[in-house]
């Protein structure tokens, strides 16, 4: 090994390896990309080996980089574990916490409640990423993720937030122009709004086969919020979460006794982060808010 390297250089390496691009890694660390580039170069010089393949598409770890990634992540886990164990409850609730959540839950449920969390912890910064996707906690895409299933692998701590109910909803203006819907067999004659089949990011969102395999949607979207707005505007019938649709005066439920689906929200935290005060504060707040809104998620209970 030619020269010594420090933990800052390894953090720089982790940021680029996870982001895949220098500029994105720099944003994660809060430094400019030239500083990050110098740190990567210094680490490569210290180790005497190239760590990334560089091309216009981004940075991809070399064989040496892949081996270093495993070691660096282990060191990061150890550092975070020490921080959580030694500081414990004395640790102040300050700093940034990134929460990844499905768009409907993140936009319509979490976002309006974040003001209260800010009042409790003035030094906290919450980064709410509300997108229809799965967030990788191992790659630090989020500190906390709201998932639709319990993970079966990885160093993740999971707690079930709640079951939630889904049903068929439509706008009165749409239904007024159609024959009355009195049974399941009539649904195939109606326009539907649903997800784009090949862009469904988790099987828990593949709702329509549980209603009827003969339904052919008129409008498809990756976003449940977009589906909600389309249904409200009269585009057709949609399978929507009750916590989004039931409070909306512009929607009515269709065949509530015949169509009632249940899914679950899980709160996921990487085991290395769960003892950090800022992460624990946000996770506990989310769990408290969901518990307080139990009737919203399961209106038929």
Protein backbone atom coordinates (compact mmCIF):
# COMPACT_ATOMS: atom_id res chain seq x y z
CA UNK A 1 0.00 0.00 0.00
CA UNK A 2 1.53 3.30 -1.07
CA UNK A 3 0.02 5.92 1.29
CA UNK A 4 -2.47 5.97 4.14
CA UNK A 5 -6.14 6.59 3.51
CA UNK A 6 -8.83 7.73 5.91
CA UNK A 7 -12.50 7.10 6.58
CA UNK A 8 -13.54 10.13 4.49
CA UNK A 9 -12.07 8.44 1.42
CA UNK A 10 -14.04 5.26 2.11
CA UNK A 11 -17.24 7.28 2.58
CA UNK A 12 -16.54 8.93 -0.77
CA UNK A 13 -16.10 5.49 -2.35
CA UNK A 14 -19.39 4.24 -0.83
CA UNK A 15 -21.30 7.29 -2.05
CA UNK A 16 -20.13 6.85 -5.65
CA UNK A 17 -20.59 3.06 -5.62
CA UNK A 18 -24.19 3.45 -4.42
CA UNK A 19 -25.13 6.39 -6.61
CA UNK A 20 -23.33 5.21 -9.75
CA UNK A 21 -22.45 8.77 -10.68
CA UNK A 22 -19.97 11.29 -9.31
CA UNK A 23 -22.42 14.19 -9.18
CA UNK A 24 -25.09 12.16 -7.37
CA UNK A 25 -22.53 10.87 -4.87
CA UNK A 26 -21.32 14.41 -4.25
CA UNK A 27 -24.86 15.56 -3.50
CA UNK A 28 -25.24 12.75 -0.97
CA UNK A 29 -22.10 13.83 0.87
CA UNK A 30 -22.74 17.54 0.53
CA UNK A 31 -19.46 18.24 -1.31
CA UNK A 32 -18.68 19.37 -4.84
CA UNK A 33 -17.91 16.72 -7.44
CA UNK A 34 -14.27 17.81 -7.84
CA UNK A 35 -13.64 17.18 -4.12
CA UNK A 36 -15.24 13.78 -4.40
CA UNK A 37 -13.19 12.96 -7.50
CA UNK A 38 -9.98 13.84 -5.63
CA UNK A 39 -10.97 11.57 -2.74
CA UNK A 40 -11.62 8.65 -5.07
CA UNK A 41 -8.30 9.25 -6.83
CA UNK A 42 -6.50 9.41 -3.47
CA UNK A 43 -8.06 6.14 -2.37
CA UNK A 44 -7.12 4.42 -5.63
CA UNK A 45 -3.56 5.66 -5.27
CA UNK A 46 -3.38 4.49 -1.66
CA UNK A 47 -4.65 1.03 -2.58
CA UNK A 48 -2.70 0.82 -5.81
CA UNK A 49 -5.71 -0.35 -7.81
CA UNK A 50 -8.52 1.17 -9.92
CA UNK A 51 -11.84 1.01 -8.10
CA UNK A 52 -14.24 2.13 -10.85
CA UNK A 53 -14.83 1.71 -14.54
CA UNK A 54 -15.58 5.23 -15.76
CA UNK A 55 -17.75 5.77 -18.83
CA UNK A 56 -20.46 8.23 -19.97
CA UNK A 57 -23.12 6.08 -18.27
CA UNK A 58 -21.50 6.43 -14.85
CA UNK A 59 -19.18 4.70 -12.41
CA UNK A 60 -19.21 0.90 -12.07
CA UNK A 61 -17.01 -0.86 -9.47
CA UNK A 62 -14.12 -2.90 -10.81
CA UNK A 63 -13.30 -6.30 -9.33
CA UNK A 64 -11.13 -4.49 -6.76
CA UNK A 65 -14.00 -2.08 -6.14
CA UNK A 66 -16.48 -4.89 -5.52
CA UNK A 67 -14.17 -6.43 -2.91
CA UNK A 68 -13.66 -3.05 -1.25
CA UNK A 69 -17.41 -2.38 -1.26
CA UNK A 70 -18.09 -5.38 0.96
CA UNK A 71 -15.36 -4.35 3.41
CA UNK A 72 -16.34 -0.67 3.42
CA UNK A 73 -19.97 -1.50 4.12
CA UNK A 74 -18.92 -3.71 7.02
CA UNK A 75 -16.83 -0.84 8.41
CA UNK A 76 -19.75 1.55 7.97
CA UNK A 77 -22.06 -0.85 9.80
CA UNK A 78 -19.58 -1.11 12.66
CA UNK A 79 -19.25 2.68 12.88
CA UNK A 80 -23.01 3.20 12.91
CA UNK A 81 -23.45 0.46 15.50
CA UNK A 82 -20.88 2.08 17.78
CA UNK A 83 -22.57 5.47 17.36
CA UNK A 84 -25.97 4.06 18.26
CA UNK A 85 -24.73 1.97 21.21
CA UNK A 86 -22.53 4.60 22.86
CA UNK A 87 -24.71 7.66 22.44
CA UNK A 88 -28.02 5.89 23.08
CA UNK A 89 -30.77 8.09 24.43
CA UNK A 90 -28.35 10.99 24.94
CA UNK A 91 -28.10 11.44 21.20
CA UNK A 92 -29.93 14.55 20.02
CA UNK A 93 -32.60 14.29 17.34
CA UNK A 94 -30.83 16.30 14.67
CA UNK A 95 -29.73 15.73 11.10
CA UNK A 96 -31.32 14.33 7.96
CA UNK A 97 -33.51 11.24 7.70
CA UNK A 98 -34.63 10.06 4.26
CA UNK A 99 -37.97 8.26 4.12
CA UNK A 100 -38.90 6.29 1.01
CA UNK A 101 -42.61 5.59 0.61
CA UNK A 102 -45.14 4.60 -2.07
CA UNK A 103 -46.54 7.73 -3.68
CA UNK A 104 -50.06 7.50 -2.26
CA UNK A 105 -48.98 6.86 1.32
CA UNK A 106 -46.12 9.35 1.15
CA UNK A 107 -48.00 12.16 -0.58
CA UNK A 108 -51.47 11.93 0.92
CA UNK A 109 -50.82 10.44 4.37
CA UNK A 110 -47.29 11.23 5.51
CA UNK A 111 -46.66 14.66 3.99
CA UNK A 112 -49.58 16.45 5.72
CA UNK A 113 -48.45 15.08 9.08
CA UNK A 114 -44.79 16.12 8.89
CA UNK A 115 -45.49 19.57 10.35
CA UNK A 116 -46.09 17.98 13.76
CA UNK A 117 -42.80 16.09 13.56
CA UNK A 118 -41.03 19.36 12.78
CA UNK A 119 -42.60 21.01 15.83
CA UNK A 120 -41.31 18.21 18.04
CA UNK A 121 -37.75 18.18 16.67
CA UNK A 122 -36.56 21.54 15.34
CA UNK A 123 -33.14 20.17 14.39
CA UNK A 124 -34.50 17.38 12.22
CA UNK A 125 -34.52 17.37 8.41
CA UNK A 126 -36.90 14.87 6.80
CA UNK A 127 -36.38 13.97 3.14
CA UNK A 128 -39.61 12.39 1.94
CA UNK A 129 -39.20 10.45 -1.31
CA UNK A 130 -42.73 9.52 -2.41
CA UNK A 131 -42.36 7.33 -5.49
CA UNK A 132 -43.83 4.06 -6.82
CA UNK A 133 -40.72 1.94 -6.36
CA UNK A 134 -38.82 -0.32 -3.97
CA UNK A 135 -36.10 1.46 -1.99
CA UNK A 136 -32.81 -0.33 -1.28
CA UNK A 137 -31.82 0.26 2.32
CA UNK A 138 -28.55 -1.64 1.83
CA UNK A 139 -27.56 0.92 -0.82
CA UNK A 140 -28.69 3.72 1.53
CA UNK A 141 -31.34 4.95 -0.93
CA UNK A 142 -33.36 5.67 2.20
CA UNK A 143 -32.92 5.43 5.96
CA UNK A 144 -36.52 4.31 6.43
CA UNK A 145 -38.69 2.64 3.80
CA UNK A 146 -42.39 1.90 3.74
CA UNK A 147 -42.85 -1.45 2.01
CA UNK A 148 -45.79 -3.61 1.03
CA UNK A 149 -44.31 -6.91 2.20
CA UNK A 150 -42.09 -8.22 4.96
CA UNK A 151 -38.51 -8.68 3.74
CA UNK A 152 -37.10 -12.19 3.84
CA UNK A 153 -33.41 -11.35 3.50
CA UNK A 154 -30.94 -8.62 4.31
CA UNK A 155 -30.03 -6.95 7.60
CA UNK A 156 -33.36 -5.19 7.96
CA UNK A 157 -35.60 -4.52 10.93
CA UNK A 158 -39.27 -4.68 9.95
CA UNK A 159 -42.41 -3.84 11.85
CA UNK A 160 -45.91 -4.05 10.49
CA UNK A 161 -47.62 -0.68 10.46
CA UNK A 162 -51.11 -1.71 9.45
CA UNK A 163 -53.31 -3.66 7.11
CA UNK A 164 -55.19 -1.44 4.70
CA UNK A 165 -58.32 -2.01 2.67
CA UNK A 166 -58.90 -1.38 -1.02
CA UNK A 167 -62.13 -1.24 -2.96
CA UNK A 168 -63.68 -0.19 -6.25
CA UNK A 169 -64.33 3.54 -6.58
CA UNK A 170 -65.79 5.77 -9.28
CA UNK A 171 -66.99 9.33 -9.75
CA UNK A 172 -70.78 9.89 -9.56
CA UNK A 173 -70.59 11.63 -12.95
CA UNK A 174 -69.19 8.44 -14.50
CA UNK A 175 -71.75 6.17 -12.84
CA UNK A 176 -74.68 8.43 -13.74
CA UNK A 177 -74.08 7.76 -17.42
CA UNK A 178 -73.91 3.98 -17.00
CA UNK A 179 -76.38 1.21 -16.16
CA UNK A 180 -76.54 0.46 -12.43
CA UNK A 181 -73.83 -1.95 -11.26
CA UNK A 182 -75.52 -4.66 -9.23
CA UNK A 183 -73.10 -7.56 -9.64
CA UNK A 184 -69.55 -8.58 -10.47
CA UNK A 185 -70.51 -9.83 -13.92
CA UNK A 186 -71.29 -6.28 -15.05
CA UNK A 187 -67.82 -4.90 -14.36
CA UNK A 188 -66.29 -6.07 -17.63
CA UNK A 189 -68.54 -3.68 -19.55
CA UNK A 190 -66.99 -0.66 -17.78
CA UNK A 191 -63.89 1.44 -18.27
CA UNK A 192 -61.19 0.85 -15.66
CA UNK A 193 -58.12 2.73 -14.44
CA UNK A 194 -55.19 0.61 -13.25
CA UNK A 195 -51.43 0.12 -13.08
CA UNK A 196 -49.23 -0.47 -16.13
CA UNK A 197 -48.69 -4.22 -16.04
CA UNK A 198 -44.98 -4.42 -16.79
CA UNK A 199 -44.15 -1.47 -14.51
CA UNK A 200 -45.80 -2.81 -11.36
CA UNK A 201 -42.88 -2.72 -8.93
CA UNK A 202 -44.26 -5.28 -6.46
CA UNK A 203 -46.83 -8.07 -6.91
CA UNK A 204 -48.94 -6.71 -4.05
CA UNK A 205 -50.12 -3.95 -6.43
CA UNK A 206 -51.43 -6.32 -9.10
CA UNK A 207 -55.06 -5.83 -8.06
CA UNK A 208 -57.22 -6.42 -11.13
CA UNK A 209 -56.79 -10.22 -11.39
CA UNK A 210 -58.34 -10.42 -7.92
CA UNK A 211 -61.40 -8.58 -9.22
CA UNK A 212 -61.74 -10.12 -12.68
CA UNK A 213 -59.26 -11.42 -15.22
CA UNK A 214 -61.54 -10.21 -18.01
CA UNK A 215 -61.16 -6.49 -17.23
CA UNK A 216 -59.15 -4.54 -19.82
CA UNK A 217 -58.30 -1.08 -18.39
CA UNK A 218 -58.85 2.05 -20.44
CA UNK A 219 -56.17 4.08 -18.65
CA UNK A 220 -53.00 2.87 -16.95
CA UNK A 221 -50.51 4.73 -14.75
CA UNK A 222 -47.55 3.89 -12.50
CA UNK A 223 -48.90 6.33 -9.89
CA UNK A 224 -51.81 5.59 -7.56
CA UNK A 225 -52.28 9.34 -7.10
CA UNK A 226 -52.64 9.73 -10.87
CA UNK A 227 -55.14 6.87 -10.91
CA UNK A 228 -57.11 8.53 -8.12
CA UNK A 229 -57.27 11.82 -10.01
CA UNK A 230 -58.30 10.07 -13.23
CA UNK A 231 -61.09 8.17 -11.48
CA UNK A 232 -62.31 11.37 -9.82
CA UNK A 233 -62.43 13.02 -13.26
CA UNK A 234 -64.67 10.27 -14.61
CA UNK A 235 -62.16 8.16 -16.55
CA UNK A 236 -63.60 4.95 -15.14
CA UNK A 237 -63.59 2.66 -12.12
CA UNK A 238 -60.40 2.09 -10.11
CA UNK A 239 -59.16 -0.21 -7.38
CA UNK A 240 -58.08 2.36 -4.82
CA UNK A 241 -56.87 2.28 -1.21
CA UNK A 242 -59.70 3.31 1.09
CA UNK A 243 -57.45 5.67 3.05
CA UNK A 244 -57.10 7.70 -0.16
CA UNK A 245 -60.54 7.31 -1.69
CA UNK A 246 -63.04 7.05 1.18
CA UNK A 247 -62.53 10.63 2.47
CA UNK A 248 -62.84 12.06 -1.07
CA UNK A 249 -66.31 13.54 -1.66
CA UNK A 250 -65.80 13.17 -5.40
CA UNK A 251 -65.77 9.36 -5.21
CA UNK A 252 -68.25 6.64 -4.32
CA UNK A 253 -67.57 3.00 -3.59
CA UNK A 254 -68.81 0.35 -6.02
CA UNK A 255 -69.84 -3.15 -4.87
CA UNK A 256 -68.36 -2.69 -1.38
CA UNK A 257 -69.52 -6.10 -0.15
CA UNK A 258 -68.24 -8.01 -3.17
CA UNK A 259 -64.85 -6.31 -3.67
CA UNK A 260 -62.72 -5.82 -0.58
CA UNK A 261 -58.95 -6.37 -0.88
CA UNK A 262 -56.42 -6.18 1.94
CA UNK A 263 -52.74 -5.29 1.78
CA UNK A 264 -50.22 -4.20 4.44
CA UNK A 265 -47.69 -1.45 5.04
CA UNK A 266 -44.38 -2.39 6.67
CA UNK A 267 -41.87 0.03 8.17
CA UNK A 268 -38.33 -1.05 7.26
CA UNK A 269 -35.06 0.20 8.75
CA UNK A 270 -31.56 -1.10 8.18
CA UNK A 271 -30.34 -2.78 11.35
CA UNK A 272 -27.29 -0.49 11.43
CA UNK A 273 -29.47 2.63 11.65
CA UNK A 274 -32.35 1.67 13.92
CA UNK A 275 -30.60 2.81 17.14
CA UNK A 276 -29.79 6.29 15.82
CA UNK A 277 -31.96 8.80 17.64
CA UNK A 278 -33.03 10.71 14.54
CA UNK A 279 -34.03 7.53 12.71
CA UNK A 280 -35.80 6.14 15.74
CA UNK A 281 -37.72 9.39 16.24
CA UNK A 282 -39.02 9.43 12.66
CA UNK A 283 -39.87 5.72 12.65
CA UNK A 284 -41.76 5.98 15.93
CA UNK A 285 -43.63 9.05 14.71
CA UNK A 286 -44.78 7.28 11.54
CA UNK A 287 -45.94 4.26 13.56
CA UNK A 288 -47.84 6.51 15.98
CA UNK A 289 -49.61 8.39 13.20
CA UNK A 290 -50.64 5.19 11.42
CA UNK A 291 -51.98 3.70 14.67
CA UNK A 292 -53.98 6.85 15.37
CA UNK A 293 -55.57 6.60 11.90
CA UNK A 294 -56.56 2.93 12.13
CA UNK A 295 -60.15 3.60 11.05
CA UNK A 296 -58.90 5.36 7.91
CA UNK A 297 -56.96 2.30 6.75
CA UNK A 298 -59.61 -0.29 7.62
CA UNK A 299 -63.01 1.41 7.35
CA UNK A 300 -64.92 -1.89 7.27
CA UNK A 301 -63.34 -3.22 10.47
